[in-house]
Amino acid sequence: MNWLKKANQKISYTAIILDNQSHNILLEKLKPFIPDGWKIYAHHMTINLGPSKDKEILGKNFSLMATEWAKDDKVIAVGVDGFTLKDGRKPHVTVAVNTEGGGKPKDSNQLQNWQPISNPIALTGTAKEVPMN
Protein backbone atom coordinates (compact mmCIF):
# COMPACT_ATOMS: atom_id res chain seq x y z
CA MET A 1 0.00 0.00 0.00
CA ASN A 2 2.89 2.35 0.75
CA TRP A 3 4.20 2.22 -2.83
CA LEU A 4 0.75 3.18 -4.15
CA LYS A 5 0.64 6.25 -1.91
CA LYS A 6 4.14 7.28 -3.01
CA ALA A 7 3.34 6.77 -6.71
CA ASN A 8 0.33 9.07 -6.42
CA GLN A 9 2.06 11.85 -4.45
CA LYS A 10 2.22 15.20 -6.17
CA ILE A 11 5.64 16.80 -6.51
CA SER A 12 6.09 20.11 -4.71
CA TYR A 13 9.45 21.06 -6.25
CA THR A 14 12.61 19.75 -7.86
CA ALA A 15 15.88 20.65 -6.19
CA ILE A 16 19.46 19.79 -5.44
CA ILE A 17 19.09 18.50 -1.89
CA LEU A 18 22.22 19.20 0.15
CA ASP A 19 23.88 16.30 1.93
CA ASN A 20 24.17 16.48 5.73
CA GLN A 21 27.81 17.58 5.65
CA SER A 22 27.02 20.51 3.33
CA HIS A 23 24.04 21.49 5.47
CA ASN A 24 26.19 21.49 8.61
CA ILE A 25 29.09 23.40 7.02
CA LEU A 26 26.74 26.07 5.68
CA LEU A 27 25.17 26.57 9.10
CA GLU A 28 28.55 26.62 10.83
CA LYS A 29 29.88 29.32 8.49
CA LEU A 30 26.75 31.50 8.59
CA LYS A 31 25.67 31.00 12.20
CA PRO A 32 27.05 34.40 13.32
CA PHE A 33 24.74 36.12 10.79
CA ILE A 34 21.52 34.24 11.63
CA PRO A 35 19.40 36.10 14.20
CA ASP A 36 17.97 34.14 17.14
CA GLY A 37 14.50 32.78 16.45
CA TRP A 38 14.88 32.47 12.68
CA LYS A 39 13.85 29.13 11.17
CA ILE A 40 16.81 27.21 9.79
CA TYR A 41 16.63 25.72 6.29
CA ALA A 42 20.00 25.30 4.48
CA HIS A 43 18.39 22.30 2.80
CA HIS A 44 18.29 22.70 -0.98
CA MET A 45 18.69 24.78 -4.11
CA THR A 46 15.35 24.88 -5.95
CA ILE A 47 15.55 24.03 -9.64
CA ASN A 48 11.85 24.41 -10.43
CA LEU A 49 8.42 24.08 -8.85
CA GLY A 50 6.63 20.82 -9.55
CA PRO A 51 8.10 17.74 -11.24
CA SER A 52 11.51 17.92 -12.87
CA LYS A 53 11.54 19.39 -16.35
CA ASP A 54 14.74 17.40 -17.02
CA LYS A 55 14.33 13.83 -15.75
CA GLU A 56 17.95 13.00 -16.66
CA ILE A 57 19.32 15.07 -13.77
CA LEU A 58 17.34 13.18 -11.12
CA GLY A 59 19.57 11.15 -8.85
CA LYS A 60 22.74 12.86 -10.09
CA ASN A 61 25.16 14.45 -7.63
CA PHE A 62 26.15 18.08 -8.06
CA SER A 63 28.98 20.17 -6.65
CA LEU A 64 27.96 23.73 -5.85
CA MET A 65 30.09 26.60 -4.61
CA ALA A 66 28.57 29.24 -2.32
CA THR A 67 30.35 32.37 -3.54
CA GLU A 68 28.14 35.15 -2.14
CA TRP A 69 25.50 35.80 0.47
CA ALA A 70 22.68 38.24 1.14
CA LYS A 71 20.36 39.06 4.00
CA ASP A 72 17.39 41.30 4.65
CA ASP A 73 14.81 41.45 7.44
CA LYS A 74 13.10 38.27 6.18
CA VAL A 75 15.73 35.84 4.84
CA ILE A 76 19.39 34.97 4.55
CA ALA A 77 20.69 32.99 1.57
CA VAL A 78 23.86 32.05 -0.26
CA GLY A 79 24.26 32.40 -4.01
CA VAL A 80 25.78 29.31 -5.61
CA ASP A 81 27.73 28.48 -8.75
CA GLY A 82 27.64 25.04 -10.35
CA PHE A 83 24.10 24.88 -11.74
CA THR A 84 22.39 27.25 -14.17
CA LEU A 85 18.66 27.78 -13.79
CA LYS A 86 16.88 27.93 -17.14
CA ASP A 87 14.35 30.53 -15.95
CA GLY A 88 17.03 33.13 -15.20
CA ARG A 89 16.63 33.12 -11.40
CA LYS A 90 19.75 33.36 -9.28
CA PRO A 91 20.75 29.89 -8.02
CA HIS A 92 20.75 30.05 -4.22
CA VAL A 93 20.20 28.16 -1.00
CA THR A 94 17.90 29.74 1.57
CA VAL A 95 19.75 29.41 4.88
CA ALA A 96 17.26 30.86 7.38
CA VAL A 97 13.91 32.68 7.45
CA ASN A 98 12.36 35.18 9.85
CA THR A 99 8.98 33.42 9.97
CA GLU A 100 7.81 35.52 12.93
CA GLY A 101 8.45 38.61 10.79
CA GLY A 102 6.41 37.23 7.90
CA GLY A 103 9.35 35.82 5.95
CA LYS A 104 9.01 32.85 3.61
CA PRO A 105 11.77 30.86 1.87
CA LYS A 106 10.66 32.25 -1.51
CA ASP A 107 11.66 35.73 -0.29
CA SER A 108 15.26 34.74 -1.10
CA ASN A 109 14.38 35.33 -4.77
CA GLN A 110 14.02 39.05 -3.97
CA LEU A 111 17.37 39.54 -2.22
CA GLN A 112 19.44 42.35 -3.74
CA ASN A 113 22.60 43.21 -1.85
CA TRP A 114 24.73 40.16 -2.60
CA GLN A 115 28.18 40.26 -1.00
CA PRO A 116 31.12 38.03 -1.95
CA ILE A 117 32.12 35.25 0.44
CA SER A 118 35.87 35.60 0.99
CA ASN A 119 36.33 31.83 1.36
CA PRO A 120 33.70 30.20 -0.88
CA ILE A 121 31.91 27.21 0.63
CA ALA A 122 31.90 23.89 -1.24
CA LEU A 123 28.50 22.17 -1.14
CA THR A 124 27.30 18.87 -2.58
CA GLY A 125 23.85 17.46 -3.14
CA THR A 126 21.62 15.27 -5.24
CA ALA A 127 18.89 16.33 -7.69
CA LYS A 128 15.52 15.06 -6.46
CA GLU A 129 11.81 15.65 -6.76
CA VAL A 130 10.33 16.56 -3.37
CA PRO A 131 6.75 15.42 -2.74
CA MET A 132 4.15 17.65 -1.13
CA ASN A 133 3.61 16.98 2.57
C-alpha atoms as a PDB file:
ATOM      1  CA  MET A   1       0.000   0.000   0.000  1.00  0.00           C
ATOM      2  CA  ASN A   2       2.892   2.354   0.750  1.00  0.00           C
ATOM      3  CA  TRP A   3       4.200   2.223  -2.829  1.00  0.00           C
ATOM      4  CA  LEU A   4       0.753   3.175  -4.145  1.00  0.00           C
ATOM      5  CA  LYS A   5       0.644   6.252  -1.910  1.00  0.00           C
ATOM      6  CA  LYS A   6       4.141   7.282  -3.007  1.00  0.00           C
ATOM      7  CA  ALA A   7       3.338   6.772  -6.706  1.00  0.00           C
ATOM      8  CA  ASN A   8       0.326   9.068  -6.415  1.00  0.00           C
ATOM      9  CA  GLN A   9       2.056  11.847  -4.454  1.00  0.00           C
ATOM     10  CA  LYS A  10       2.224  15.196  -6.167  1.00  0.00           C
ATOM     11  CA  ILE A  11       5.639  16.797  -6.511  1.00  0.00           C
ATOM     12  CA  SER A  12       6.091  20.114  -4.705  1.00  0.00           C
ATOM     13  CA  TYR A  13       9.448  21.059  -6.248  1.00  0.00           C
ATOM     14  CA  THR A  14      12.612  19.749  -7.864  1.00  0.00           C
ATOM     15  CA  ALA A  15      15.883  20.650  -6.189  1.00  0.00           C
ATOM     16  CA  ILE A  16      19.462  19.795  -5.438  1.00  0.00           C
ATOM     17  CA  ILE A  17      19.093  18.497  -1.886  1.00  0.00           C
ATOM     18  CA  LEU A  18      22.216  19.200   0.148  1.00  0.00           C
ATOM     19  CA  ASP A  19      23.879  16.302   1.927  1.00  0.00           C
ATOM     20  CA  ASN A  20      24.174  16.478   5.725  1.00  0.00           C
ATOM     21  CA  GLN A  21      27.811  17.577   5.647  1.00  0.00           C
ATOM     22  CA  SER A  22      27.022  20.513   3.329  1.00  0.00           C
ATOM     23  CA  HIS A  23      24.035  21.494   5.471  1.00  0.00           C
ATOM     24  CA  ASN A  24      26.194  21.491   8.605  1.00  0.00           C
ATOM     25  CA  ILE A  25      29.091  23.398   7.015  1.00  0.00           C
ATOM     26  CA  LEU A  26      26.741  26.069   5.685  1.00  0.00           C
ATOM     27  CA  LEU A  27      25.175  26.567   9.103  1.00  0.00           C
ATOM     28  CA  GLU A  28      28.554  26.616  10.834  1.00  0.00           C
ATOM     29  CA  LYS A  29      29.876  29.324   8.490  1.00  0.00           C
ATOM     30  CA  LEU A  30      26.750  31.502   8.588  1.00  0.00           C
ATOM     31  CA  LYS A  31      25.671  30.997  12.204  1.00  0.00           C
ATOM     32  CA  PRO A  32      27.050  34.397  13.321  1.00  0.00           C
ATOM     33  CA  PHE A  33      24.739  36.116  10.794  1.00  0.00           C
ATOM     34  CA  ILE A  34      21.518  34.242  11.631  1.00  0.00           C
ATOM     35  CA  PRO A  35      19.402  36.101  14.204  1.00  0.00           C
ATOM     36  CA  ASP A  36      17.969  34.145  17.139  1.00  0.00           C
ATOM     37  CA  GLY A  37      14.505  32.779  16.454  1.00  0.00           C
ATOM     38  CA  TRP A  38      14.881  32.470  12.681  1.00  0.00           C
ATOM     39  CA  LYS A  39      13.847  29.131  11.175  1.00  0.00           C
ATOM     40  CA  ILE A  40      16.815  27.208   9.786  1.00  0.00           C
ATOM     41  CA  TYR A  41      16.633  25.723   6.288  1.00  0.00           C
ATOM     42  CA  ALA A  42      19.997  25.302   4.480  1.00  0.00           C
ATOM     43  CA  HIS A  43      18.390  22.299   2.800  1.00  0.00           C
ATOM     44  CA  HIS A  44      18.288  22.698  -0.980  1.00  0.00           C
ATOM     45  CA  MET A  45      18.689  24.777  -4.109  1.00  0.00           C
ATOM     46  CA  THR A  46      15.350  24.880  -5.949  1.00  0.00           C
ATOM     47  CA  ILE A  47      15.553  24.031  -9.641  1.00  0.00           C
ATOM     48  CA  ASN A  48      11.848  24.415 -10.427  1.00  0.00           C
ATOM     49  CA  LEU A  49       8.423  24.079  -8.848  1.00  0.00           C
ATOM     50  CA  GLY A  50       6.635  20.816  -9.545  1.00  0.00           C
ATOM     51  CA  PRO A  51       8.101  17.742 -11.241  1.00  0.00           C
ATOM     52  CA  SER A  52      11.512  17.918 -12.868  1.00  0.00           C
ATOM     53  CA  LYS A  53      11.542  19.388 -16.349  1.00  0.00           C
ATOM     54  CA  ASP A  54      14.744  17.399 -17.023  1.00  0.00           C
ATOM     55  CA  LYS A  55      14.332  13.833 -15.749  1.00  0.00           C
ATOM     56  CA  GLU A  56      17.945  12.996 -16.662  1.00  0.00           C
ATOM     57  CA  ILE A  57      19.320  15.071 -13.775  1.00  0.00           C
ATOM     58  CA  LEU A  58      17.337  13.182 -11.123  1.00  0.00           C
ATOM     59  CA  GLY A  59      19.568  11.145  -8.850  1.00  0.00           C
ATOM     60  CA  LYS A  60      22.736  12.857 -10.085  1.00  0.00           C
ATOM     61  CA  ASN A  61      25.156  14.453  -7.633  1.00  0.00           C
ATOM     62  CA  PHE A  62      26.149  18.084  -8.061  1.00  0.00           C
ATOM     63  CA  SER A  63      28.979  20.173  -6.647  1.00  0.00           C
ATOM     64  CA  LEU A  64      27.958  23.733  -5.848  1.00  0.00           C
ATOM     65  CA  MET A  65      30.090  26.601  -4.609  1.00  0.00           C
ATOM     66  CA  ALA A  66      28.566  29.242  -2.323  1.00  0.00           C
ATOM     67  CA  THR A  67      30.345  32.374  -3.542  1.00  0.00           C
ATOM     68  CA  GLU A  68      28.144  35.153  -2.145  1.00  0.00           C
ATOM     69  CA  TRP A  69      25.500  35.802   0.470  1.00  0.00           C
ATOM     70  CA  ALA A  70      22.680  38.239   1.138  1.00  0.00           C
ATOM     71  CA  LYS A  71      20.363  39.061   3.997  1.00  0.00           C
ATOM     72  CA  ASP A  72      17.395  41.305   4.652  1.00  0.00           C
ATOM     73  CA  ASP A  73      14.814  41.451   7.445  1.00  0.00           C
ATOM     74  CA  LYS A  74      13.096  38.266   6.178  1.00  0.00           C
ATOM     75  CA  VAL A  75      15.726  35.838   4.835  1.00  0.00           C
ATOM     76  CA  ILE A  76      19.388  34.966   4.551  1.00  0.00           C
ATOM     77  CA  ALA A  77      20.694  32.991   1.569  1.00  0.00           C
ATOM     78  CA  VAL A  78      23.859  32.046  -0.262  1.00  0.00           C
ATOM     79  CA  GLY A  79      24.260  32.402  -4.012  1.00  0.00           C
ATOM     80  CA  VAL A  80      25.783  29.315  -5.613  1.00  0.00           C
ATOM     81  CA  ASP A  81      27.730  28.481  -8.753  1.00  0.00           C
ATOM     82  CA  GLY A  82      27.643  25.042 -10.350  1.00  0.00           C
ATOM     83  CA  PHE A  83      24.102  24.881 -11.737  1.00  0.00           C
ATOM     84  CA  THR A  84      22.394  27.248 -14.165  1.00  0.00           C
ATOM     85  CA  LEU A  85      18.662  27.776 -13.790  1.00  0.00           C
ATOM     86  CA  LYS A  86      16.880  27.926 -17.144  1.00  0.00           C
ATOM     87  CA  ASP A  87      14.347  30.528 -15.951  1.00  0.00           C
ATOM     88  CA  GLY A  88      17.030  33.127 -15.204  1.00  0.00           C
ATOM     89  CA  ARG A  89      16.629  33.124 -11.404  1.00  0.00           C
ATOM     90  CA  LYS A  90      19.752  33.358  -9.283  1.00  0.00           C
ATOM     91  CA  PRO A  91      20.748  29.889  -8.023  1.00  0.00           C
ATOM     92  CA  HIS A  92      20.747  30.052  -4.224  1.00  0.00           C
ATOM     93  CA  VAL A  93      20.200  28.157  -1.002  1.00  0.00           C
ATOM     94  CA  THR A  94      17.903  29.745   1.572  1.00  0.00           C
ATOM     95  CA  VAL A  95      19.752  29.410   4.877  1.00  0.00           C
ATOM     96  CA  ALA A  96      17.259  30.860   7.384  1.00  0.00           C
ATOM     97  CA  VAL A  97      13.914  32.677   7.448  1.00  0.00           C
ATOM     98  CA  ASN A  98      12.360  35.177   9.849  1.00  0.00           C
ATOM     99  CA  THR A  99       8.981  33.421   9.966  1.00  0.00           C
ATOM    100  CA  GLU A 100       7.810  35.524  12.929  1.00  0.00           C
ATOM    101  CA  GLY A 101       8.448  38.612  10.794  1.00  0.00           C
ATOM    102  CA  GLY A 102       6.407  37.226   7.896  1.00  0.00           C
ATOM    103  CA  GLY A 103       9.348  35.816   5.946  1.00  0.00           C
ATOM    104  CA  LYS A 104       9.007  32.848   3.613  1.00  0.00           C
ATOM    105  CA  PRO A 105      11.767  30.862   1.868  1.00  0.00           C
ATOM    106  CA  LYS A 106      10.655  32.251  -1.509  1.00  0.00           C
ATOM    107  CA  ASP A 107      11.658  35.732  -0.292  1.00  0.00           C
ATOM    108  CA  SER A 108      15.257  34.744  -1.105  1.00  0.00           C
ATOM    109  CA  ASN A 109      14.376  35.327  -4.767  1.00  0.00           C
ATOM    110  CA  GLN A 110      14.016  39.053  -3.970  1.00  0.00           C
ATOM    111  CA  LEU A 111      17.374  39.545  -2.225  1.00  0.00           C
ATOM    112  CA  GLN A 112      19.441  42.349  -3.738  1.00  0.00           C
ATOM    113  CA  ASN A 113      22.604  43.215  -1.847  1.00  0.00           C
ATOM    114  CA  TRP A 114      24.732  40.157  -2.595  1.00  0.00           C
ATOM    115  CA  GLN A 115      28.180  40.259  -0.997  1.00  0.00           C
ATOM    116  CA  PRO A 116      31.116  38.031  -1.953  1.00  0.00           C
ATOM    117  CA  ILE A 117      32.116  35.248   0.444  1.00  0.00           C
ATOM    118  CA  SER A 118      35.873  35.602   0.992  1.00  0.00           C
ATOM    119  CA  ASN A 119      36.328  31.833   1.361  1.00  0.00           C
ATOM    120  CA  PRO A 120      33.702  30.200  -0.882  1.00  0.00           C
ATOM    121  CA  ILE A 121      31.914  27.214   0.635  1.00  0.00           C
ATOM    122  CA  ALA A 122      31.901  23.894  -1.243  1.00  0.00           C
ATOM    123  CA  LEU A 123      28.504  22.168  -1.139  1.00  0.00           C
ATOM    124  CA  THR A 124      27.298  18.868  -2.578  1.00  0.00           C
ATOM    125  CA  GLY A 125      23.851  17.463  -3.139  1.00  0.00           C
ATOM    126  CA  THR A 126      21.616  15.272  -5.245  1.00  0.00           C
ATOM    127  CA  ALA A 127      18.892  16.327  -7.687  1.00  0.00           C
ATOM    128  CA  LYS A 128      15.524  15.056  -6.463  1.00  0.00           C
ATOM    129  CA  GLU A 129      11.805  15.647  -6.758  1.00  0.00           C
ATOM    130  CA  VAL A 130      10.327  16.561  -3.368  1.00  0.00           C
ATOM    131  CA  PRO A 131       6.755  15.419  -2.737  1.00  0.00           C
ATOM    132  CA  MET A 132       4.146  17.654  -1.128  1.00  0.00           C
ATOM    133  CA  ASN A 133       3.614  16.985   2.574  1.00  0.00           C
END
